Amino acid sequence: MLIPLLPTPNQEQLPLKTNVCAYGGASGYVCGEIVDFAATVTSYGLQFHPVTKVSMNKPCLEGDEGTPVYIPTNVPNSKQMVANAVGQVIRDEKNSEINM
């Protein structure tokens, strides 16, 4: 049985500019911030909407697709960090250089 120790953030609670990170198979460790909650993204000819769009500090490469996106969070009263998963990477054909 799993017992949650920290609440997992959801979209309604997150403000724009929230920092998120991912560890992509091609790009390695990348971080960025949420820039839109209702974006339309085209990936392999398919449109996804609404999508939370994130501007990252490195380009999104093909090997990064499917990578979990998470918010790093401190455990209360500790220096330990945990990762709250909030989504996964899909490649935006129009802006793959800066967005995931």
Protein backbone atom coordinates (compact mmCIF):
# COMPACT_ATOMS: atom_id res chain seq x y z
CA MET A 1 0.00 0.00 0.00
CA LEU A 2 1.35 3.42 -0.94
CA ILE A 3 0.79 6.31 1.43
CA PRO A 4 1.33 9.78 -0.04
CA LEU A 5 3.61 11.88 2.13
CA LEU A 6 3.31 15.09 0.14
CA PRO A 7 0.38 16.37 -1.89
CA THR A 8 0.98 16.05 -5.63
CA PRO A 9 0.47 19.39 -7.35
CA ASN A 10 -2.16 19.65 -10.05
CA GLN A 11 -2.72 22.19 -12.81
CA GLU A 12 -5.26 24.23 -10.90
CA GLN A 13 -2.71 24.85 -8.13
CA LEU A 14 0.32 25.62 -10.31
CA PRO A 15 1.01 29.19 -11.40
CA LEU A 16 2.63 30.08 -14.72
CA LYS A 17 6.43 30.22 -14.44
CA THR A 18 6.46 27.13 -12.14
CA ASN A 19 9.85 25.40 -12.49
CA VAL A 20 9.77 21.87 -13.91
CA CYS A 21 12.53 19.42 -14.86
CA ALA A 22 13.01 16.27 -16.92
CA TYR A 23 15.82 13.84 -17.63
CA GLY A 24 15.61 13.08 -21.34
CA GLY A 25 17.22 10.11 -23.03
CA ALA A 26 18.89 12.41 -25.59
CA SER A 27 19.16 15.82 -23.87
CA GLY A 28 19.96 14.66 -20.33
CA TYR A 29 18.91 16.87 -17.42
CA VAL A 30 16.81 19.86 -18.53
CA CYS A 31 14.74 22.40 -16.63
CA GLY A 32 12.35 25.13 -17.60
CA GLU A 33 9.10 26.82 -16.67
CA ILE A 34 5.43 26.49 -17.48
CA VAL A 35 4.41 29.09 -20.07
CA ASP A 36 0.86 28.02 -21.05
CA PHE A 37 -1.87 25.70 -19.74
CA ALA A 38 -4.08 25.67 -22.85
CA ALA A 39 -1.64 25.33 -25.73
CA THR A 40 -2.24 23.36 -28.92
CA VAL A 41 0.74 21.22 -29.89
CA THR A 42 1.29 19.30 -33.14
CA SER A 43 3.38 16.15 -32.82
CA TYR A 44 3.79 13.72 -35.75
CA GLY A 45 0.85 15.35 -37.51
CA LEU A 46 -1.52 14.95 -34.55
CA GLN A 47 -2.87 17.92 -32.59
CA PHE A 48 -3.08 17.80 -28.80
CA HIS A 49 -5.18 20.33 -26.84
CA PRO A 50 -5.16 21.48 -24.10
CA VAL A 51 -1.49 20.88 -23.40
CA THR A 52 0.66 22.44 -20.69
CA LYS A 53 3.55 24.02 -22.56
CA VAL A 54 6.98 24.29 -20.97
CA SER A 55 9.90 26.39 -22.19
CA MET A 56 13.10 24.43 -21.48
CA ASN A 57 16.75 25.48 -21.27
CA LYS A 58 17.82 22.93 -23.94
CA PRO A 59 16.26 21.71 -27.20
CA CYS A 60 13.84 18.78 -27.19
CA LEU A 61 15.26 15.90 -29.22
CA GLU A 62 13.53 12.80 -30.58
CA GLY A 63 15.06 10.60 -27.86
CA ASP A 64 13.41 12.73 -25.14
CA GLU A 65 9.82 11.87 -26.05
CA GLY A 66 7.91 10.11 -23.28
CA THR A 67 10.29 11.35 -20.58
CA PRO A 68 8.51 12.19 -17.30
CA VAL A 69 8.30 15.89 -16.43
CA TYR A 70 8.39 16.64 -12.72
CA ILE A 71 8.43 19.42 -10.17
CA PRO A 72 11.33 19.12 -7.73
CA THR A 73 9.97 19.55 -4.19
CA ASN A 74 11.66 19.65 -0.79
CA VAL A 75 10.52 17.20 1.85
CA PRO A 76 9.31 19.29 4.83
CA ASN A 77 11.97 19.74 7.52
CA SER A 78 14.59 18.01 5.38
CA LYS A 79 17.17 18.67 2.66
CA GLN A 80 15.85 15.68 0.70
CA MET A 81 14.21 16.34 -2.66
CA VAL A 82 11.38 14.40 -4.28
CA ALA A 83 10.06 14.55 -7.82
CA ASN A 84 6.33 15.14 -8.27
CA ALA A 85 5.50 13.84 -11.74
CA VAL A 86 3.22 16.22 -13.64
CA GLY A 87 3.38 14.99 -17.24
CA GLN A 88 5.54 13.67 -20.04
CA VAL A 89 7.43 15.12 -22.97
CA ILE A 90 5.85 15.33 -26.40
CA ARG A 91 7.68 17.12 -29.18
CA ASP A 92 6.11 20.29 -30.59
CA GLU A 93 6.92 20.25 -34.32
CA LYS A 94 6.70 24.03 -34.56
CA ASN A 95 8.87 24.93 -31.56
CA SER A 96 10.97 21.87 -30.76
CA GLU A 97 14.06 23.98 -30.17
CA ILE A 98 12.75 25.50 -26.93
CA ASN A 99 9.53 23.77 -25.90
CA MET A 100 8.49 20.44 -24.49
